[in-house]
Amino acid sequence: MRANAIQAARDHWVEKPARLRFTLAGGVVFSAEFPALCWALRLDLDCFRRTLPQRVSAEPPVWTGIPAQVRATRLHVPCARPYPRVTILHDTIRYAPSHYRRFYIEIQGGFEDYLRKFSGRTRSTWRRKVRRFASASGGAIDFQEYGRAATMSEFLVLARRVSEKTYQERLLDAGIPATGWYREQILQAAARDEIRGYLLFHQGQPVAYALCAADEDTLVVERIGFDPDFAYLNPGTVLLYLLLEKLFAGKRFRILDLGRGEFPYKEHYATGNIPCAEIYYFRRSASNLLLVCAHAAAEMLSGALKSGLEVLGLKDKVRRWLHRLAGGARVG
């Protein structure tokens, strides 16, 4: 991404900490955090369908004009074919740690139209889970949306109570951060009408949350989780049902982007997907090259371990064991 492109799209870039997570068998062992300039991908489906073959981030940044403390730029971009994992350029190291399918749900027609994509049995099961949750909650479901800056502080406090118990936070280092910096970023986004929070309550207690970025007609799921103590009530599944029902009724958003990373529940509920890559451009230095190579080696080792466990028929058992240690899994 050339300097003039960064200038032209400055409103889309945010200077914030980025992390390379070192994982083993699906769990985060530790994270390397560093200052970065990040640009979130917005799923403009019409544009992507026309331009997917183009490598939209093929050029590295021009570091002149980028703050000296910024160690890297990070993008999530559509790609028609995989990038090499590590590429050494003139003054830049390009690192592509992951390629994945980015799943989305198009908010078109009515909610019943969307539900018809599923079998009658699946629709019945989903609705039964919602009715069961309502029955356990005294006959009614308390589901709240938060968007204004005045209410986002409350959302963060309540969502944090759920997040600290979740698989996402304990195992993947991907919960709701408790830092003042993160809180300030969310409140600023709320003041610009660029964030939405959703909470599902059970008898007054928050049991599931979703935090989403609002970008024009796209709502992007950034963080999601549920309290594993209430897993028997499928709170994550109920929250997703109510969220979709609200989006289809509201007509405010055209796309629910399920965010980066591949999980079975995303593929199940999605109406489509786009192949994407996570790309880092690091300033060329010995320390950055060491970080990139160490992370690439760790990812290769983790991938080999997963493959070995799969061959031995132990992958699912190990995953379930890790999830039990962390306190839950799935959408709920």
C-alpha atoms as a PDB file:
ATOM      1  CA  MET A   1       0.000   0.000   0.000  1.00  0.00           C
ATOM      2  CA  ARG A   2       1.733   3.173  -1.180  1.00  0.00           C
ATOM      3  CA  ALA A   3       1.957   6.280   0.997  1.00  0.00           C
ATOM      4  CA  ASN A   4      -0.552   8.240  -1.074  1.00  0.00           C
ATOM      5  CA  ALA A   5      -3.028   5.362  -0.741  1.00  0.00           C
ATOM      6  CA  ILE A   6      -2.615   5.455   3.036  1.00  0.00           C
ATOM      7  CA  GLN A   7      -3.206   9.214   2.964  1.00  0.00           C
ATOM      8  CA  ALA A   8      -6.308   8.821   0.783  1.00  0.00           C
ATOM      9  CA  ALA A   9      -7.740   6.165   3.089  1.00  0.00           C
ATOM     10  CA  ARG A  10      -6.513   7.635   6.366  1.00  0.00           C
ATOM     11  CA  ASP A  11      -9.952   7.467   7.942  1.00  0.00           C
ATOM     12  CA  HIS A  12      -9.807   3.681   7.587  1.00  0.00           C
ATOM     13  CA  TRP A  13      -6.416   3.268   9.279  1.00  0.00           C
ATOM     14  CA  VAL A  14      -6.098   3.085  13.038  1.00  0.00           C
ATOM     15  CA  GLU A  15      -2.868   3.104  14.994  1.00  0.00           C
ATOM     16  CA  LYS A  16      -3.233   0.422  17.654  1.00  0.00           C
ATOM     17  CA  PRO A  17      -1.401  -2.564  19.133  1.00  0.00           C
ATOM     18  CA  ALA A  18      -1.282  -5.685  16.961  1.00  0.00           C
ATOM     19  CA  ARG A  19      -0.468  -9.181  18.153  1.00  0.00           C
ATOM     20  CA  LEU A  20       1.140 -12.242  16.690  1.00  0.00           C
ATOM     21  CA  ARG A  21      -0.197 -15.149  18.718  1.00  0.00           C
ATOM     22  CA  PHE A  22       2.044 -18.190  19.142  1.00  0.00           C
ATOM     23  CA  THR A  23      -0.247 -21.207  19.341  1.00  0.00           C
ATOM     24  CA  LEU A  24       0.131 -24.894  20.086  1.00  0.00           C
ATOM     25  CA  ALA A  25      -2.663 -27.366  19.287  1.00  0.00           C
ATOM     26  CA  GLY A  26      -5.173 -24.527  19.037  1.00  0.00           C
ATOM     27  CA  GLY A  27      -4.241 -22.729  22.268  1.00  0.00           C
ATOM     28  CA  VAL A  28      -2.286 -19.474  22.581  1.00  0.00           C
ATOM     29  CA  VAL A  29       1.035 -20.030  24.367  1.00  0.00           C
ATOM     30  CA  PHE A  30       1.997 -16.349  24.324  1.00  0.00           C
ATOM     31  CA  SER A  31       1.557 -13.210  22.218  1.00  0.00           C
ATOM     32  CA  ALA A  32       4.024 -10.713  20.786  1.00  0.00           C
ATOM     33  CA  GLU A  33       2.445  -7.237  20.844  1.00  0.00           C
ATOM     34  CA  PHE A  34       3.724  -4.251  18.868  1.00  0.00           C
ATOM     35  CA  PRO A  35       2.487  -0.846  17.571  1.00  0.00           C
ATOM     36  CA  ALA A  36       0.854  -1.139  14.159  1.00  0.00           C
ATOM     37  CA  LEU A  37      -1.222   0.744  11.644  1.00  0.00           C
ATOM     38  CA  CYS A  38      -4.274  -1.427  10.996  1.00  0.00           C
ATOM     39  CA  TRP A  39      -6.871  -1.323   8.262  1.00  0.00           C
ATOM     40  CA  ALA A  40      -9.957  -3.470   8.756  1.00  0.00           C
ATOM     41  CA  LEU A  41     -11.500  -5.183   5.754  1.00  0.00           C
ATOM     42  CA  ARG A  42     -15.039  -4.138   4.848  1.00  0.00           C
ATOM     43  CA  LEU A  43     -16.974  -6.637   2.785  1.00  0.00           C
ATOM     44  CA  ASP A  44     -18.063  -4.565  -0.193  1.00  0.00           C
ATOM     45  CA  LEU A  45     -19.423  -7.589  -2.035  1.00  0.00           C
ATOM     46  CA  ASP A  46     -20.178  -5.855  -5.328  1.00  0.00           C
ATOM     47  CA  CYS A  47     -16.630  -4.462  -5.492  1.00  0.00           C
ATOM     48  CA  PHE A  48     -14.994  -7.734  -4.452  1.00  0.00           C
ATOM     49  CA  ARG A  49     -16.884  -9.757  -7.023  1.00  0.00           C
ATOM     50  CA  ARG A  50     -15.462  -7.493  -9.724  1.00  0.00           C
ATOM     51  CA  THR A  51     -11.922  -7.072  -8.398  1.00  0.00           C
ATOM     52  CA  LEU A  52     -11.093 -10.266  -6.466  1.00  0.00           C
ATOM     53  CA  PRO A  53      -8.332 -11.362  -8.916  1.00  0.00           C
ATOM     54  CA  GLN A  54      -6.399  -8.177  -8.155  1.00  0.00           C
ATOM     55  CA  ARG A  55      -3.832  -8.265  -5.369  1.00  0.00           C
ATOM     56  CA  VAL A  56      -5.071  -5.186  -3.540  1.00  0.00           C
ATOM     57  CA  SER A  57      -2.130  -5.008  -1.116  1.00  0.00           C
ATOM     58  CA  ALA A  58       0.636  -6.122  -3.491  1.00  0.00           C
ATOM     59  CA  GLU A  59       2.760  -3.046  -2.844  1.00  0.00           C
ATOM     60  CA  PRO A  60       4.467  -2.392   0.500  1.00  0.00           C
ATOM     61  CA  PRO A  61       4.068   0.897   2.373  1.00  0.00           C
ATOM     62  CA  VAL A  62       6.405   3.835   1.971  1.00  0.00           C
ATOM     63  CA  TRP A  63       7.604   4.262   5.529  1.00  0.00           C
ATOM     64  CA  THR A  64       8.287   7.985   5.138  1.00  0.00           C
ATOM     65  CA  GLY A  65       5.409   9.757   6.823  1.00  0.00           C
ATOM     66  CA  ILE A  66       4.360   6.763   8.922  1.00  0.00           C
ATOM     67  CA  PRO A  67       5.030   7.399  12.647  1.00  0.00           C
ATOM     68  CA  ALA A  68       8.388   5.998  13.748  1.00  0.00           C
ATOM     69  CA  GLN A  69       6.854   3.975  16.579  1.00  0.00           C
ATOM     70  CA  VAL A  70       4.731   1.996  14.114  1.00  0.00           C
ATOM     71  CA  ARG A  71       6.485  -1.330  13.624  1.00  0.00           C
ATOM     72  CA  ALA A  72       4.165  -2.738  10.967  1.00  0.00           C
ATOM     73  CA  THR A  73       1.022  -2.219   8.937  1.00  0.00           C
ATOM     74  CA  ARG A  74      -1.688  -4.900   8.997  1.00  0.00           C
ATOM     75  CA  LEU A  75      -4.472  -5.617   6.540  1.00  0.00           C
ATOM     76  CA  HIS A  76      -7.096  -8.275   5.919  1.00  0.00           C
ATOM     77  CA  VAL A  77      -7.638  -8.385   2.185  1.00  0.00           C
ATOM     78  CA  PRO A  78      -9.402 -10.510  -0.436  1.00  0.00           C
ATOM     79  CA  CYS A  79      -7.072 -12.669  -2.490  1.00  0.00           C
ATOM     80  CA  ALA A  80      -7.631 -14.977  -5.439  1.00  0.00           C
ATOM     81  CA  ARG A  81      -4.535 -17.055  -4.636  1.00  0.00           C
ATOM     82  CA  PRO A  82      -2.303 -17.454  -1.555  1.00  0.00           C
ATOM     83  CA  TYR A  83       0.577 -15.127  -0.792  1.00  0.00           C
ATOM     84  CA  PRO A  84       4.015 -16.567   0.047  1.00  0.00           C
ATOM     85  CA  ARG A  85       4.318 -16.754   3.822  1.00  0.00           C
ATOM     86  CA  VAL A  86       7.450 -14.572   4.077  1.00  0.00           C
ATOM     87  CA  THR A  87       8.780 -12.190   1.423  1.00  0.00           C
ATOM     88  CA  ILE A  88      11.853  -9.968   1.887  1.00  0.00           C
ATOM     89  CA  LEU A  89      11.538  -6.667   0.008  1.00  0.00           C
ATOM     90  CA  HIS A  90      13.770  -3.594  -0.227  1.00  0.00           C
ATOM     91  CA  ASP A  91      12.930  -2.016   3.127  1.00  0.00           C
ATOM     92  CA  THR A  92      10.005  -4.198   4.128  1.00  0.00           C
ATOM     93  CA  ILE A  93       9.205  -7.731   5.250  1.00  0.00           C
ATOM     94  CA  ARG A  94       5.841  -8.956   4.015  1.00  0.00           C
ATOM     95  CA  TYR A  95       4.318 -11.654   6.212  1.00  0.00           C
ATOM     96  CA  ALA A  96       1.136 -13.561   5.385  1.00  0.00           C
ATOM     97  CA  PRO A  97       0.465 -15.713   8.470  1.00  0.00           C
ATOM     98  CA  SER A  98      -3.001 -16.862   7.457  1.00  0.00           C
ATOM     99  CA  HIS A  99      -5.354 -17.421   4.543  1.00  0.00           C
ATOM    100  CA  TYR A 100      -8.977 -18.102   5.304  1.00  0.00           C
ATOM    101  CA  ARG A 101     -12.516 -17.964   4.020  1.00  0.00           C
ATOM    102  CA  ARG A 102     -14.352 -14.926   5.370  1.00  0.00           C
ATOM    103  CA  PHE A 103     -17.988 -15.849   5.888  1.00  0.00           C
ATOM    104  CA  TYR A 104     -20.892 -13.419   5.679  1.00  0.00           C
ATOM    105  CA  ILE A 105     -24.674 -13.283   5.752  1.00  0.00           C
ATOM    106  CA  GLU A 106     -26.486 -11.068   3.260  1.00  0.00           C
ATOM    107  CA  ILE A 107     -29.389  -9.259   4.910  1.00  0.00           C
ATOM    108  CA  GLN A 108     -31.859  -9.429   2.030  1.00  0.00           C
ATOM    109  CA  GLY A 109     -35.584 -10.065   2.104  1.00  0.00           C
ATOM    110  CA  GLY A 110     -37.106 -11.106   5.411  1.00  0.00           C
ATOM    111  CA  PHE A 111     -35.818 -13.229   8.260  1.00  0.00           C
ATOM    112  CA  GLU A 112     -38.111 -16.074   7.197  1.00  0.00           C
ATOM    113  CA  ASP A 113     -36.535 -15.964   3.730  1.00  0.00           C
ATOM    114  CA  TYR A 114     -33.120 -16.406   5.314  1.00  0.00           C
ATOM    115  CA  LEU A 115     -34.316 -19.289   7.492  1.00  0.00           C
ATOM    116  CA  ARG A 116     -35.527 -21.150   4.411  1.00  0.00           C
ATOM    117  CA  LYS A 117     -31.906 -21.824   3.453  1.00  0.00           C
ATOM    118  CA  PHE A 118     -31.869 -24.380   6.263  1.00  0.00           C
ATOM    119  CA  SER A 119     -33.663 -27.701   6.434  1.00  0.00           C
ATOM    120  CA  GLY A 120     -36.959 -27.885   8.278  1.00  0.00           C
ATOM    121  CA  ARG A 121     -35.265 -29.873  11.020  1.00  0.00           C
ATOM    122  CA  THR A 122     -32.533 -27.230  11.487  1.00  0.00           C
ATOM    123  CA  ARG A 123     -35.100 -24.415  11.628  1.00  0.00           C
ATOM    124  CA  SER A 124     -37.110 -26.331  14.196  1.00  0.00           C
ATOM    125  CA  THR A 125     -34.025 -27.000  16.339  1.00  0.00           C
ATOM    126  CA  TRP A 126     -32.947 -23.348  16.272  1.00  0.00           C
ATOM    127  CA  ARG A 127     -36.401 -22.099  17.259  1.00  0.00           C
ATOM    128  CA  ARG A 128     -36.678 -24.754  19.970  1.00  0.00           C
ATOM    129  CA  LYS A 129     -33.445 -23.481  21.538  1.00  0.00           C
ATOM    130  CA  VAL A 130     -34.835 -19.936  21.546  1.00  0.00           C
ATOM    131  CA  ARG A 131     -38.111 -21.090  23.156  1.00  0.00           C
ATOM    132  CA  ARG A 132     -36.188 -23.124  25.731  1.00  0.00           C
ATOM    133  CA  PHE A 133     -34.071 -20.110  26.661  1.00  0.00           C
ATOM    134  CA  ALA A 134     -37.201 -17.979  26.963  1.00  0.00           C
ATOM    135  CA  SER A 135     -38.866 -20.572  29.188  1.00  0.00           C
ATOM    136  CA  ALA A 136     -35.795 -20.760  31.440  1.00  0.00           C
ATOM    137  CA  SER A 137     -35.802 -16.952  31.634  1.00  0.00           C
ATOM    138  CA  GLY A 138     -39.377 -16.728  32.926  1.00  0.00           C
ATOM    139  CA  GLY A 139     -41.178 -16.665  29.588  1.00  0.00           C
ATOM    140  CA  ALA A 140     -39.448 -13.673  27.972  1.00  0.00           C
ATOM    141  CA  ILE A 141     -35.987 -13.001  26.578  1.00  0.00           C
ATOM    142  CA  ASP A 142     -33.966  -9.942  27.560  1.00  0.00           C
ATOM    143  CA  PHE A 143     -31.838  -9.050  24.524  1.00  0.00           C
ATOM    144  CA  GLN A 144     -30.323  -5.576  24.355  1.00  0.00           C
ATOM    145  CA  GLU A 145     -28.543  -3.520  21.680  1.00  0.00           C
ATOM    146  CA  TYR A 146     -26.007  -0.836  22.628  1.00  0.00           C
ATOM    147  CA  GLY A 147     -24.751   1.794  20.229  1.00  0.00           C
ATOM    148  CA  ARG A 148     -24.598   5.258  21.751  1.00  0.00           C
ATOM    149  CA  ALA A 149     -21.509   6.385  23.650  1.00  0.00           C
ATOM    150  CA  ALA A 150     -23.632   6.857  26.781  1.00  0.00           C
ATOM    151  CA  THR A 151     -24.552   3.163  26.828  1.00  0.00           C
ATOM    152  CA  MET A 152     -21.326   1.565  25.577  1.00  0.00           C
ATOM    153  CA  SER A 153     -19.626   1.979  28.951  1.00  0.00           C
ATOM    154  CA  GLU A 154     -22.349  -0.181  30.483  1.00  0.00           C
ATOM    155  CA  PHE A 155     -22.012  -2.722  27.677  1.00  0.00           C
ATOM    156  CA  LEU A 156     -18.247  -3.036  28.181  1.00  0.00           C
ATOM    157  CA  VAL A 157     -18.638  -3.646  31.912  1.00  0.00           C
ATOM    158  CA  LEU A 158     -21.300  -6.309  31.405  1.00  0.00           C
ATOM    159  CA  ALA A 159     -19.631  -7.951  28.402  1.00  0.00           C
ATOM    160  CA  ARG A 160     -16.353  -8.075  30.300  1.00  0.00           C
ATOM    161  CA  ARG A 161     -18.028 -10.197  33.008  1.00  0.00           C
ATOM    162  CA  VAL A 162     -18.890 -12.758  30.354  1.00  0.00           C
ATOM    163  CA  SER A 163     -15.643 -12.456  28.420  1.00  0.00           C
ATOM    164  CA  GLU A 164     -13.373 -13.307  31.346  1.00  0.00           C
ATOM    165  CA  LYS A 165     -15.053 -16.734  31.569  1.00  0.00           C
ATOM    166  CA  THR A 166     -14.953 -17.586  27.884  1.00  0.00           C
ATOM    167  CA  TYR A 167     -12.968 -19.976  25.761  1.00  0.00           C
ATOM    168  CA  GLN A 168     -12.079 -17.053  23.484  1.00  0.00           C
ATOM    169  CA  GLU A 169     -10.282 -15.190  26.253  1.00  0.00           C
ATOM    170  CA  ARG A 170      -8.732 -18.089  28.160  1.00  0.00           C
ATOM    171  CA  LEU A 171      -7.520 -20.092  25.196  1.00  0.00           C
ATOM    172  CA  LEU A 172      -7.342 -17.698  22.226  1.00  0.00           C
ATOM    173  CA  ASP A 173      -6.519 -14.363  23.897  1.00  0.00           C
ATOM    174  CA  ALA A 174      -9.518 -12.914  22.019  1.00  0.00           C
ATOM    175  CA  GLY A 175     -11.951 -11.676  24.644  1.00  0.00           C
ATOM    176  CA  ILE A 176     -13.003  -8.138  25.569  1.00  0.00           C
ATOM    177  CA  PRO A 177      -9.793  -6.426  26.769  1.00  0.00           C
ATOM    178  CA  ALA A 178      -9.925  -4.750  30.160  1.00  0.00           C
ATOM    179  CA  THR A 179      -7.489  -1.964  29.199  1.00  0.00           C
ATOM    180  CA  GLY A 180      -8.326   1.721  29.339  1.00  0.00           C
ATOM    181  CA  TRP A 181      -6.958   2.138  25.806  1.00  0.00           C
ATOM    182  CA  TYR A 182      -9.469  -0.355  24.415  1.00  0.00           C
ATOM    183  CA  ARG A 183     -12.352   1.213  26.318  1.00  0.00           C
ATOM    184  CA  GLU A 184     -11.456   4.641  24.932  1.00  0.00           C
ATOM    185  CA  GLN A 185     -11.312   3.292  21.362  1.00  0.00           C
ATOM    186  CA  ILE A 186     -14.772   1.741  21.725  1.00  0.00           C
ATOM    187  CA  LEU A 187     -16.274   4.909  23.191  1.00  0.00           C
ATOM    188  CA  GLN A 188     -14.801   6.996  20.379  1.00  0.00           C
ATOM    189  CA  ALA A 189     -16.237   4.577  17.819  1.00  0.00           C
ATOM    190  CA  ALA A 190     -19.628   4.820  19.538  1.00  0.00           C
ATOM    191  CA  ALA A 191     -19.511   8.616  19.323  1.00  0.00           C
ATOM    192  CA  ARG A 192     -19.033   8.199  15.543  1.00  0.00           C
ATOM    193  CA  ASP A 193     -21.862   5.614  15.348  1.00  0.00           C
ATOM    194  CA  GLU A 194     -19.343   2.965  14.262  1.00  0.00           C
ATOM    195  CA  ILE A 195     -19.933   0.270  16.879  1.00  0.00           C
ATOM    196  CA  ARG A 196     -22.752  -1.936  18.167  1.00  0.00           C
ATOM    197  CA  GLY A 197     -22.889  -4.129  21.235  1.00  0.00           C
ATOM    198  CA  TYR A 198     -25.390  -6.918  21.885  1.00  0.00           C
ATOM    199  CA  LEU A 199     -26.087  -8.661  25.186  1.00  0.00           C
ATOM    200  CA  LEU A 200     -28.286 -11.604  26.071  1.00  0.00           C
ATOM    201  CA  PHE A 201     -29.421 -11.791  29.701  1.00  0.00           C
ATOM    202  CA  HIS A 202     -30.697 -14.682  31.797  1.00  0.00           C
ATOM    203  CA  GLN A 203     -32.671 -13.507  34.842  1.00  0.00           C
ATOM    204  CA  GLY A 204     -30.786 -10.221  34.850  1.00  0.00           C
ATOM    205  CA  GLN A 205     -27.334 -11.755  34.355  1.00  0.00           C
ATOM    206  CA  PRO A 206     -25.415 -11.261  31.075  1.00  0.00           C
ATOM    207  CA  VAL A 207     -24.662 -14.649  29.520  1.00  0.00           C
ATOM    208  CA  ALA A 208     -23.629 -13.874  25.916  1.00  0.00           C
ATOM    209  CA  TYR A 209     -22.289 -10.895  24.015  1.00  0.00           C
ATOM    210  CA  ALA A 210     -21.340  -9.733  20.540  1.00  0.00           C
ATOM    211  CA  LEU A 211     -19.324  -6.629  19.743  1.00  0.00           C
ATOM    212  CA  CYS A 212     -19.610  -5.466  16.133  1.00  0.00           C
ATOM    213  CA  ALA A 213     -18.077  -2.690  14.052  1.00  0.00           C
ATOM    214  CA  ALA A 214     -20.536  -0.699  11.916  1.00  0.00           C
ATOM    215  CA  ASP A 215     -19.082   0.375   8.564  1.00  0.00           C
ATOM    216  CA  GLU A 216     -21.661   1.918   6.229  1.00  0.00           C
ATOM    217  CA  ASP A 217     -24.037  -0.958   5.341  1.00  0.00           C
ATOM    218  CA  THR A 218     -21.823  -3.668   6.865  1.00  0.00           C
ATOM    219  CA  LEU A 219     -21.832  -4.941  10.439  1.00  0.00           C
ATOM    220  CA  VAL A 220     -18.629  -6.818  11.319  1.00  0.00           C
ATOM    221  CA  VAL A 221     -18.523  -9.265  14.232  1.00  0.00           C
ATOM    222  CA  GLU A 222     -15.334  -8.355  16.083  1.00  0.00           C
ATOM    223  CA  ARG A 223     -15.711 -10.319  19.319  1.00  0.00           C
ATOM    224  CA  ILE A 224     -18.295 -12.832  20.486  1.00  0.00           C
ATOM    225  CA  GLY A 225     -18.626 -15.177  23.439  1.00  0.00           C
ATOM    226  CA  PHE A 226     -20.893 -16.752  26.042  1.00  0.00           C
ATOM    227  CA  ASP A 227     -20.758 -17.819  29.671  1.00  0.00           C
ATOM    228  CA  PRO A 228     -19.876 -21.563  29.702  1.00  0.00           C
ATOM    229  CA  ASP A 229     -21.895 -22.022  32.903  1.00  0.00           C
ATOM    230  CA  PHE A 230     -25.009 -21.507  30.751  1.00  0.00           C
ATOM    231  CA  ALA A 231     -23.902 -23.638  27.810  1.00  0.00           C
ATOM    232  CA  TYR A 232     -26.848 -25.990  28.412  1.00  0.00           C
ATOM    233  CA  LEU A 233     -29.135 -23.124  27.298  1.00  0.00           C
ATOM    234  CA  ASN A 234     -27.180 -22.451  24.064  1.00  0.00           C
ATOM    235  CA  PRO A 235     -26.883 -18.686  24.736  1.00  0.00           C
ATOM    236  CA  GLY A 236     -24.534 -18.053  21.808  1.00  0.00           C
ATOM    237  CA  THR A 237     -26.923 -19.646  19.338  1.00  0.00           C
ATOM    238  CA  VAL A 238     -29.877 -17.753  20.823  1.00  0.00           C
ATOM    239  CA  LEU A 239     -27.985 -14.458  20.662  1.00  0.00           C
ATOM    240  CA  LEU A 240     -27.120 -15.004  16.989  1.00  0.00           C
ATOM    241  CA  TYR A 241     -30.760 -15.837  16.181  1.00  0.00           C
ATOM    242  CA  LEU A 242     -32.017 -12.659  17.876  1.00  0.00           C
ATOM    243  CA  LEU A 243     -29.279 -10.543  16.325  1.00  0.00           C
ATOM    244  CA  LEU A 244     -30.152 -11.734  12.830  1.00  0.00           C
ATOM    245  CA  GLU A 245     -33.858 -11.291  13.476  1.00  0.00           C
ATOM    246  CA  LYS A 246     -33.166  -7.687  14.511  1.00  0.00           C
ATOM    247  CA  LEU A 247     -30.973  -6.984  11.485  1.00  0.00           C
ATOM    248  CA  PHE A 248     -33.517  -8.330   9.019  1.00  0.00           C
ATOM    249  CA  ALA A 249     -36.264  -6.275  10.678  1.00  0.00           C
ATOM    250  CA  GLY A 250     -34.198  -3.085  10.872  1.00  0.00           C
ATOM    251  CA  LYS A 251     -32.992  -2.869   7.243  1.00  0.00           C
ATOM    252  CA  ARG A 252     -30.045  -0.723   8.451  1.00  0.00           C
ATOM    253  CA  PHE A 253     -27.310  -3.155   7.362  1.00  0.00           C
ATOM    254  CA  ARG A 254     -26.982  -5.175   4.172  1.00  0.00           C
ATOM    255  CA  ILE A 255     -24.230  -7.558   5.311  1.00  0.00           C
ATOM    256  CA  LEU A 256     -23.343  -9.272   8.575  1.00  0.00           C
ATOM    257  CA  ASP A 257     -19.628 -10.019   8.212  1.00  0.00           C
ATOM    258  CA  LEU A 258     -18.802 -12.903  10.575  1.00  0.00           C
ATOM    259  CA  GLY A 259     -15.206 -11.734  10.868  1.00  0.00           C
ATOM    260  CA  ARG A 260     -11.832 -13.327  10.353  1.00  0.00           C
ATOM    261  CA  GLY A 261     -11.122 -16.945  11.123  1.00  0.00           C
ATOM    262  CA  GLU A 262     -12.881 -20.136  10.065  1.00  0.00           C
ATOM    263  CA  PHE A 263     -15.214 -21.908  12.446  1.00  0.00           C
ATOM    264  CA  PRO A 264     -17.922 -24.495  11.650  1.00  0.00           C
ATOM    265  CA  TYR A 265     -20.733 -22.307  12.988  1.00  0.00           C
ATOM    266  CA  LYS A 266     -19.790 -19.501  10.586  1.00  0.00           C
ATOM    267  CA  GLU A 267     -19.911 -21.802   7.585  1.00  0.00           C
ATOM    268  CA  HIS A 268     -23.229 -23.203   8.795  1.00  0.00           C
ATOM    269  CA  TYR A 269     -25.017 -19.851   9.115  1.00  0.00           C
ATOM    270  CA  ALA A 270     -23.313 -17.991   6.236  1.00  0.00           C
ATOM    271  CA  THR A 271     -24.853 -17.254   2.861  1.00  0.00           C
ATOM    272  CA  GLY A 272     -21.432 -16.882   1.209  1.00  0.00           C
ATOM    273  CA  ASN A 273     -17.697 -16.427   1.718  1.00  0.00           C
ATOM    274  CA  ILE A 274     -14.700 -14.631   0.213  1.00  0.00           C
ATOM    275  CA  PRO A 275     -11.108 -15.980   0.279  1.00  0.00           C
ATOM    276  CA  CYS A 276      -8.953 -13.565   2.267  1.00  0.00           C
ATOM    277  CA  ALA A 277      -5.448 -13.165   3.629  1.00  0.00           C
ATOM    278  CA  GLU A 278      -4.013 -11.533   6.720  1.00  0.00           C
ATOM    279  CA  ILE A 279      -1.023  -9.439   5.627  1.00  0.00           C
ATOM    280  CA  TYR A 280       1.633  -7.687   7.716  1.00  0.00           C
ATOM    281  CA  TYR A 281       4.218  -5.298   6.315  1.00  0.00           C
ATOM    282  CA  PHE A 282       7.072  -4.950   8.831  1.00  0.00           C
ATOM    283  CA  ARG A 283       9.882  -2.448   8.657  1.00  0.00           C
ATOM    284  CA  ARG A 284      12.938  -4.395   7.532  1.00  0.00           C
ATOM    285  CA  SER A 285      15.153  -5.019  10.551  1.00  0.00           C
ATOM    286  CA  ALA A 286      16.891  -7.941  12.232  1.00  0.00           C
ATOM    287  CA  SER A 287      14.452  -7.936  15.168  1.00  0.00           C
ATOM    288  CA  ASN A 288      11.391  -7.911  12.914  1.00  0.00           C
ATOM    289  CA  LEU A 289      12.824 -10.667  10.727  1.00  0.00           C
ATOM    290  CA  LEU A 290      13.486 -12.761  13.844  1.00  0.00           C
ATOM    291  CA  LEU A 291       9.906 -12.217  15.050  1.00  0.00           C
ATOM    292  CA  VAL A 292       8.407 -13.150  11.678  1.00  0.00           C
ATOM    293  CA  CYS A 293      10.573 -16.269  11.269  1.00  0.00           C
ATOM    294  CA  ALA A 294       9.887 -17.418  14.832  1.00  0.00           C
ATOM    295  CA  HIS A 295       6.149 -17.008  14.357  1.00  0.00           C
ATOM    296  CA  ALA A 296       6.196 -18.738  10.963  1.00  0.00           C
ATOM    297  CA  ALA A 297       8.142 -21.659  12.447  1.00  0.00           C
ATOM    298  CA  ALA A 298       5.730 -21.907  15.391  1.00  0.00           C
ATOM    299  CA  GLU A 299       2.742 -21.916  13.018  1.00  0.00           C
ATOM    300  CA  MET A 300       4.298 -24.673  10.929  1.00  0.00           C
ATOM    301  CA  LEU A 301       4.963 -26.732  14.075  1.00  0.00           C
ATOM    302  CA  SER A 302       1.419 -26.190  15.322  1.00  0.00           C
ATOM    303  CA  GLY A 303       0.020 -27.173  11.918  1.00  0.00           C
ATOM    304  CA  ALA A 304       2.131 -30.331  11.850  1.00  0.00           C
ATOM    305  CA  LEU A 305       0.971 -31.224  15.364  1.00  0.00           C
ATOM    306  CA  LYS A 306      -2.673 -30.755  14.367  1.00  0.00           C
ATOM    307  CA  SER A 307      -2.160 -32.943  11.306  1.00  0.00           C
ATOM    308  CA  GLY A 308      -0.501 -35.617  13.397  1.00  0.00           C
ATOM    309  CA  LEU A 309      -3.315 -35.599  15.934  1.00  0.00           C
ATOM    310  CA  GLU A 310      -5.836 -35.846  13.106  1.00  0.00           C
ATOM    311  CA  VAL A 311      -4.048 -38.869  11.630  1.00  0.00           C
ATOM    312  CA  LEU A 312      -4.054 -40.512  15.053  1.00  0.00           C
ATOM    313  CA  GLY A 313      -7.722 -39.689  15.535  1.00  0.00           C
ATOM    314  CA  LEU A 314      -6.954 -37.535  18.566  1.00  0.00           C
ATOM    315  CA  LYS A 315      -7.579 -34.018  17.209  1.00  0.00           C
ATOM    316  CA  ASP A 316     -11.184 -33.710  18.419  1.00  0.00           C
ATOM    317  CA  LYS A 317     -10.349 -35.232  21.804  1.00  0.00           C
ATOM    318  CA  VAL A 318      -7.482 -32.781  22.378  1.00  0.00           C
ATOM    319  CA  ARG A 319      -9.630 -29.867  21.224  1.00  0.00           C
ATOM    320  CA  ARG A 320     -12.442 -30.827  23.618  1.00  0.00           C
ATOM    321  CA  TRP A 321      -9.935 -31.216  26.448  1.00  0.00           C
ATOM    322  CA  LEU A 322      -8.511 -27.741  25.791  1.00  0.00           C
ATOM    323  CA  HIS A 323     -11.998 -26.267  25.638  1.00  0.00           C
ATOM    324  CA  ARG A 324     -12.931 -27.868  28.945  1.00  0.00           C
ATOM    325  CA  LEU A 325      -9.815 -26.385  30.510  1.00  0.00           C
ATOM    326  CA  ALA A 326     -10.689 -22.979  29.076  1.00  0.00           C
ATOM    327  CA  GLY A 327     -14.333 -23.156  30.031  1.00  0.00           C
ATOM    328  CA  GLY A 328     -16.464 -23.707  26.940  1.00  0.00           C
ATOM    329  CA  ALA A 329     -16.433 -23.543  23.162  1.00  0.00           C
ATOM    330  CA  ARG A 330     -18.686 -23.146  20.112  1.00  0.00           C
ATOM    331  CA  VAL A 331     -21.186 -20.366  19.619  1.00  0.00           C
ATOM    332  CA  GLY A 332     -23.364 -21.909  22.268  1.00  0.00           C
END
